[in-house]
Structures are given as structure tokens and as C-alpha cells.
Amino acid sequence: MFNWGIVLFVFFLFAVLFGFNGIAIVATSIAIILFYIFLALFISSIMDGFSSAGRILINKNK
């Protein structure tokens, strides 16, 4: 998903350079949406890692 964001950003840069503003706006909006999805998944995986680390420590003590 992160790779798609980078590809769309490069596509956006070329579209702006060659004057395709409509395509650039669409590519930018898709890249922003993918960025926020990636960010949400990243934060949820960090929170899951913290919660599973606590479970591992609790299970080792018993």
C-alpha cells in the first residue's frame, strides 16, 4: 500500500509537469487516502504489539 502511495505521488509530479491538472488532483486525493489508511494500520499494529508484549510478560511470570 505504501508503494502505491509513492507511485501515485510520482504520477502526480509528472502530471503537474505536463499540465494535466485534473489527473494530478485525482492522483493526489488517492495518495492522501492511501496515506491515511497506511497510517491507521501502522498505529493499530503498534498498539497490537504493545498489548501482545504485555501478554507475553504476564504469561512468563506464571
PDB file of N, CA and C in Angstrom:
ATOM      1  N   MET A   1       0.825  -1.182   0.000  1.00  0.00           N
ATOM      2  CA  MET A   1       0.000   0.000   0.000  1.00  0.00           C
ATOM      3  C   MET A   1       0.872   1.250   0.000  1.00  0.00           C
ATOM      4  N   PHE A   2       1.953   1.211   0.740  1.00  0.00           N
ATOM      5  CA  PHE A   2       2.878   2.340   0.763  1.00  0.00           C
ATOM      6  C   PHE A   2       3.495   2.552  -0.617  1.00  0.00           C
ATOM      7  N   ASN A   3       3.763   1.447  -1.313  1.00  0.00           N
ATOM      8  CA  ASN A   3       4.323   1.562  -2.668  1.00  0.00           C
ATOM      9  C   ASN A   3       3.349   2.255  -3.614  1.00  0.00           C
ATOM     10  N   TRP A   4       2.047   1.971  -3.466  1.00  0.00           N
ATOM     11  CA  TRP A   4       1.050   2.633  -4.305  1.00  0.00           C
ATOM     12  C   TRP A   4       1.039   4.131  -4.052  1.00  0.00           C
ATOM     13  N   GLY A   5       1.215   4.521  -2.805  1.00  0.00           N
ATOM     14  CA  GLY A   5       1.269   5.947  -2.484  1.00  0.00           C
ATOM     15  C   GLY A   5       2.444   6.631  -3.159  1.00  0.00           C
ATOM     16  N   ILE A   6       3.592   5.957  -3.170  1.00  0.00           N
ATOM     17  CA  ILE A   6       4.774   6.523  -3.823  1.00  0.00           C
ATOM     18  C   ILE A   6       4.578   6.595  -5.329  1.00  0.00           C
ATOM     19  N   VAL A   7       4.002   5.550  -5.912  1.00  0.00           N
ATOM     20  CA  VAL A   7       3.750   5.540  -7.354  1.00  0.00           C
ATOM     21  C   VAL A   7       2.787   6.664  -7.740  1.00  0.00           C
ATOM     22  N   LEU A   8       1.730   6.839  -6.952  1.00  0.00           N
ATOM     23  CA  LEU A   8       0.779   7.901  -7.249  1.00  0.00           C
ATOM     24  C   LEU A   8       1.399   9.287  -7.081  1.00  0.00           C
ATOM     25  N   PHE A   9       2.309   9.426  -6.122  1.00  0.00           N
ATOM     26  CA  PHE A   9       2.986  10.712  -5.942  1.00  0.00           C
ATOM     27  C   PHE A   9       3.861  11.031  -7.146  1.00  0.00           C
ATOM     28  N   VAL A  10       4.594  10.052  -7.644  1.00  0.00           N
ATOM     29  CA  VAL A  10       5.422  10.267  -8.836  1.00  0.00           C
ATOM     30  C   VAL A  10       4.536  10.563 -10.043  1.00  0.00           C
ATOM     31  N   PHE A  11       3.427   9.844 -10.161  1.00  0.00           N
ATOM     32  CA  PHE A  11       2.475  10.092 -11.241  1.00  0.00           C
ATOM     33  C   PHE A  11       1.917  11.511 -11.153  1.00  0.00           C
ATOM     34  N   PHE A  12       1.642  11.955  -9.936  1.00  0.00           N
ATOM     35  CA  PHE A  12       1.165  13.314  -9.704  1.00  0.00           C
ATOM     36  C   PHE A  12       2.200  14.341 -10.146  1.00  0.00           C
ATOM     37  N   LEU A  13       3.464  14.108  -9.832  1.00  0.00           N
ATOM     38  CA  LEU A  13       4.513  15.056 -10.220  1.00  0.00           C
ATOM     39  C   LEU A  13       4.631  15.174 -11.741  1.00  0.00           C
ATOM     40  N   PHE A  14       4.583  14.041 -12.438  1.00  0.00           N
ATOM     41  CA  PHE A  14       4.646  14.093 -13.899  1.00  0.00           C
ATOM     42  C   PHE A  14       3.405  14.759 -14.495  1.00  0.00           C
ATOM     43  N   ALA A  15       2.250  14.501 -13.900  1.00  0.00           N
ATOM     44  CA  ALA A  15       1.026  15.124 -14.406  1.00  0.00           C
ATOM     45  C   ALA A  15       1.060  16.636 -14.231  1.00  0.00           C
ATOM     46  N   VAL A  16       1.599  17.098 -13.126  1.00  0.00           N
ATOM     47  CA  VAL A  16       1.715  18.539 -12.904  1.00  0.00           C
ATOM     48  C   VAL A  16       2.712  19.144 -13.884  1.00  0.00           C
ATOM     49  N   LEU A  17       3.827  18.469 -14.106  1.00  0.00           N
ATOM     50  CA  LEU A  17       4.842  18.998 -15.017  1.00  0.00           C
ATOM     51  C   LEU A  17       4.318  19.129 -16.440  1.00  0.00           C
ATOM     52  N   PHE A  18       3.469  18.202 -16.867  1.00  0.00           N
ATOM     53  CA  PHE A  18       2.962  18.234 -18.227  1.00  0.00           C
ATOM     54  C   PHE A  18       1.598  18.913 -18.348  1.00  0.00           C
ATOM     55  N   GLY A  19       1.071  19.462 -17.257  1.00  0.00           N
ATOM     56  CA  GLY A  19      -0.130  20.277 -17.318  1.00  0.00           C
ATOM     57  C   GLY A  19      -1.454  19.550 -17.213  1.00  0.00           C
ATOM     58  N   PHE A  20      -1.460  18.304 -16.783  1.00  0.00           N
ATOM     59  CA  PHE A  20      -2.714  17.560 -16.617  1.00  0.00           C
ATOM     60  C   PHE A  20      -3.219  17.755 -15.187  1.00  0.00           C
ATOM     61  N   ASN A  21      -3.854  18.892 -14.949  1.00  0.00           N
ATOM     62  CA  ASN A  21      -4.247  19.233 -13.576  1.00  0.00           C
ATOM     63  C   ASN A  21      -5.350  18.333 -13.045  1.00  0.00           C
ATOM     64  N   GLY A  22      -6.295  17.928 -13.876  1.00  0.00           N
ATOM     65  CA  GLY A  22      -7.375  17.056 -13.410  1.00  0.00           C
ATOM     66  C   GLY A  22      -6.858  15.711 -12.953  1.00  0.00           C
ATOM     67  N   ILE A  23      -5.939  15.145 -13.711  1.00  0.00           N
ATOM     68  CA  ILE A  23      -5.346  13.858 -13.342  1.00  0.00           C
ATOM     69  C   ILE A  23      -4.497  14.008 -12.081  1.00  0.00           C
ATOM     70  N   ALA A  24      -3.814  15.135 -11.965  1.00  0.00           N
ATOM     71  CA  ALA A  24      -2.983  15.371 -10.786  1.00  0.00           C
ATOM     72  C   ALA A  24      -3.822  15.471  -9.525  1.00  0.00           C
ATOM     73  N   ILE A  25      -4.981  16.101  -9.618  1.00  0.00           N
ATOM     74  CA  ILE A  25      -5.852  16.229  -8.448  1.00  0.00           C
ATOM     75  C   ILE A  25      -6.376  14.857  -8.016  1.00  0.00           C
ATOM     76  N   VAL A  26      -6.758  14.028  -8.977  1.00  0.00           N
ATOM     77  CA  VAL A  26      -7.251  12.682  -8.653  1.00  0.00           C
ATOM     78  C   VAL A  26      -6.136  11.841  -8.033  1.00  0.00           C
ATOM     79  N   ALA A  27      -4.945  11.886  -8.615  1.00  0.00           N
ATOM     80  CA  ALA A  27      -3.822  11.106  -8.082  1.00  0.00           C
ATOM     81  C   ALA A  27      -3.453  11.574  -6.684  1.00  0.00           C
ATOM     82  N   THR A  28      -3.517  12.874  -6.452  1.00  0.00           N
ATOM     83  CA  THR A  28      -3.196  13.400  -5.132  1.00  0.00           C
ATOM     84  C   THR A  28      -4.220  12.950  -4.100  1.00  0.00           C
ATOM     85  N   SER A  29      -5.491  12.988  -4.445  1.00  0.00           N
ATOM     86  CA  SER A  29      -6.512  12.580  -3.484  1.00  0.00           C
ATOM     87  C   SER A  29      -6.415  11.085  -3.169  1.00  0.00           C
ATOM     88  N   ILE A  30      -6.118  10.270  -4.155  1.00  0.00           N
ATOM     89  CA  ILE A  30      -5.940   8.831  -3.906  1.00  0.00           C
ATOM     90  C   ILE A  30      -4.720   8.594  -3.030  1.00  0.00           C
ATOM     91  N   ALA A  31      -3.644   9.321  -3.288  1.00  0.00           N
ATOM     92  CA  ALA A  31      -2.430   9.160  -2.474  1.00  0.00           C
ATOM     93  C   ALA A  31      -2.669   9.582  -1.033  1.00  0.00           C
ATOM     94  N   ILE A  32      -3.447  10.629  -0.824  1.00  0.00           N
ATOM     95  CA  ILE A  32      -3.748  11.074   0.544  1.00  0.00           C
ATOM     96  C   ILE A  32      -4.590  10.029   1.272  1.00  0.00           C
ATOM     97  N   ILE A  33      -5.578   9.477   0.582  1.00  0.00           N
ATOM     98  CA  ILE A  33      -6.414   8.438   1.197  1.00  0.00           C
ATOM     99  C   ILE A  33      -5.574   7.219   1.562  1.00  0.00           C
ATOM    100  N   LEU A  34      -4.698   6.781   0.656  1.00  0.00           N
ATOM    101  CA  LEU A  34      -3.831   5.636   0.956  1.00  0.00           C
ATOM    102  C   LEU A  34      -2.874   5.940   2.098  1.00  0.00           C
ATOM    103  N   PHE A  35      -2.404   7.174   2.180  1.00  0.00           N
ATOM    104  CA  PHE A  35      -1.514   7.551   3.281  1.00  0.00           C
ATOM    105  C   PHE A  35      -2.217   7.406   4.621  1.00  0.00           C
ATOM    106  N   TYR A  36      -3.459   7.892   4.721  1.00  0.00           N
ATOM    107  CA  TYR A  36      -4.167   7.799   5.995  1.00  0.00           C
ATOM    108  C   TYR A  36      -4.544   6.357   6.335  1.00  0.00           C
ATOM    109  N   ILE A  37      -4.847   5.548   5.347  1.00  0.00           N
ATOM    110  CA  ILE A  37      -5.112   4.128   5.602  1.00  0.00           C
ATOM    111  C   ILE A  37      -3.844   3.451   6.117  1.00  0.00           C
ATOM    112  N   PHE A  38      -2.702   3.742   5.462  1.00  0.00           N
ATOM    113  CA  PHE A  38      -1.428   3.186   5.901  1.00  0.00           C
ATOM    114  C   PHE A  38      -1.083   3.635   7.316  1.00  0.00           C
ATOM    115  N   LEU A  39      -1.327   4.901   7.613  1.00  0.00           N
ATOM    116  CA  LEU A  39      -1.035   5.427   8.941  1.00  0.00           C
ATOM    117  C   LEU A  39      -1.906   4.756   9.999  1.00  0.00           C
ATOM    118  N   ALA A  40      -3.182   4.558   9.704  1.00  0.00           N
ATOM    119  CA  ALA A  40      -4.079   3.900  10.657  1.00  0.00           C
ATOM    120  C   ALA A  40      -3.657   2.452  10.897  1.00  0.00           C
ATOM    121  N   LEU A  41      -3.283   1.741   9.844  1.00  0.00           N
ATOM    122  CA  LEU A  41      -2.825   0.355  10.006  1.00  0.00           C
ATOM    123  C   LEU A  41      -1.519   0.295  10.787  1.00  0.00           C
ATOM    124  N   PHE A  42      -0.631   1.255  10.562  1.00  0.00           N
ATOM    125  CA  PHE A  42       0.633   1.304  11.280  1.00  0.00           C
ATOM    126  C   PHE A  42       0.402   1.534  12.772  1.00  0.00           C
ATOM    127  N   ILE A  43      -0.462   2.477  13.107  1.00  0.00           N
ATOM    128  CA  ILE A  43      -0.735   2.769  14.515  1.00  0.00           C
ATOM    129  C   ILE A  43      -1.430   1.588  15.177  1.00  0.00           C
ATOM    130  N   SER A  44      -2.351   0.933  14.472  1.00  0.00           N
ATOM    131  CA  SER A  44      -3.027  -0.224  15.070  1.00  0.00           C
ATOM    132  C   SER A  44      -2.062  -1.390  15.274  1.00  0.00           C
ATOM    133  N   SER A  45      -1.085  -1.555  14.382  1.00  0.00           N
ATOM    134  CA  SER A  45      -0.115  -2.629  14.582  1.00  0.00           C
ATOM    135  C   SER A  45       0.818  -2.316  15.744  1.00  0.00           C
ATOM    136  N   ILE A  46       1.141  -1.050  15.951  1.00  0.00           N
ATOM    137  CA  ILE A  46       1.955  -0.676  17.116  1.00  0.00           C
ATOM    138  C   ILE A  46       1.183  -0.956  18.404  1.00  0.00           C
ATOM    139  N   MET A  47      -0.100  -0.576  18.434  1.00  0.00           N
ATOM    140  CA  MET A  47      -0.903  -0.823  19.630  1.00  0.00           C
ATOM    141  C   MET A  47      -1.071  -2.316  19.878  1.00  0.00           C
ATOM    142  N   ASP A  48      -1.214  -3.099  18.829  1.00  0.00           N
ATOM    143  CA  ASP A  48      -1.326  -4.544  18.976  1.00  0.00           C
ATOM    144  C   ASP A  48      -0.020  -5.131  19.503  1.00  0.00           C
ATOM    145  N   GLY A  49       1.091  -4.586  19.049  1.00  0.00           N
ATOM    146  CA  GLY A  49       2.391  -5.055  19.541  1.00  0.00           C
ATOM    147  C   GLY A  49       2.567  -4.776  21.020  1.00  0.00           C
ATOM    148  N   PHE A  50       2.121  -3.607  21.476  1.00  0.00           N
ATOM    149  CA  PHE A  50       2.216  -3.290  22.901  1.00  0.00           C
ATOM    150  C   PHE A  50       1.329  -4.198  23.730  1.00  0.00           C
ATOM    151  N   SER A  51       0.134  -4.486  23.234  1.00  0.00           N
ATOM    152  CA  SER A  51      -0.761  -5.329  24.018  1.00  0.00           C
ATOM    153  C   SER A  51      -0.281  -6.776  24.047  1.00  0.00           C
ATOM    154  N   SER A  52       0.286  -7.266  22.960  1.00  0.00           N
ATOM    155  CA  SER A  52       0.781  -8.644  22.963  1.00  0.00           C
ATOM    156  C   SER A  52       2.063  -8.760  23.762  1.00  0.00           C
ATOM    157  N   ALA A  53       2.863  -7.706  23.822  1.00  0.00           N
ATOM    158  CA  ALA A  53       4.078  -7.748  24.640  1.00  0.00           C
ATOM    159  C   ALA A  53       3.720  -7.864  26.111  1.00  0.00           C
ATOM    160  N   GLY A  54       2.659  -7.208  26.532  1.00  0.00           N
ATOM    161  CA  GLY A  54       2.212  -7.326  27.935  1.00  0.00           C
ATOM    162  C   GLY A  54       1.726  -8.729  28.234  1.00  0.00           C
ATOM    163  N   ARG A  55       1.058  -9.351  27.284  1.00  0.00           N
ATOM    164  CA  ARG A  55       0.572 -10.713  27.499  1.00  0.00           C
ATOM    165  C   ARG A  55       1.741 -11.696  27.593  1.00  0.00           C
ATOM    166  N   ILE A  56       2.783 -11.483  26.830  1.00  0.00           N
ATOM    167  CA  ILE A  56       3.936 -12.377  26.883  1.00  0.00           C
ATOM    168  C   ILE A  56       4.612 -12.270  28.243  1.00  0.00           C
ATOM    169  N   LEU A  57       4.763 -11.053  28.779  1.00  0.00           N
ATOM    170  CA  LEU A  57       5.393 -10.893  30.064  1.00  0.00           C
ATOM    171  C   LEU A  57       4.553 -11.489  31.192  1.00  0.00           C
ATOM    172  N   ILE A  58       3.250 -11.354  31.108  1.00  0.00           N
ATOM    173  CA  ILE A  58       2.366 -11.914  32.131  1.00  0.00           C
ATOM    174  C   ILE A  58       2.429 -13.443  32.087  1.00  0.00           C
ATOM    175  N   ASN A  59       2.425 -14.036  30.908  1.00  0.00           N
ATOM    176  CA  ASN A  59       2.461 -15.494  30.796  1.00  0.00           C
ATOM    177  C   ASN A  59       3.799 -16.062  31.229  1.00  0.00           C
ATOM    178  N   LYS A  60       4.897 -15.325  31.080  1.00  0.00           N
ATOM    179  CA  LYS A  60       6.193 -15.839  31.524  1.00  0.00           C
ATOM    180  C   LYS A  60       6.293 -15.899  33.032  1.00  0.00           C
ATOM    181  N   ASN A  61       5.623 -14.982  33.737  1.00  0.00           N
ATOM    182  CA  ASN A  61       5.720 -14.952  35.189  1.00  0.00           C
ATOM    183  C   ASN A  61       4.920 -16.064  35.856  1.00  0.00           C
ATOM    184  N   LYS A  62       3.988 -16.653  35.152  1.00  0.00           N
ATOM    185  CA  LYS A  62       3.159 -17.691  35.787  1.00  0.00           C
ATOM    186  C   LYS A  62       3.765 -19.018  35.675  1.00  0.00           C
TER     187      LYS A  62
END
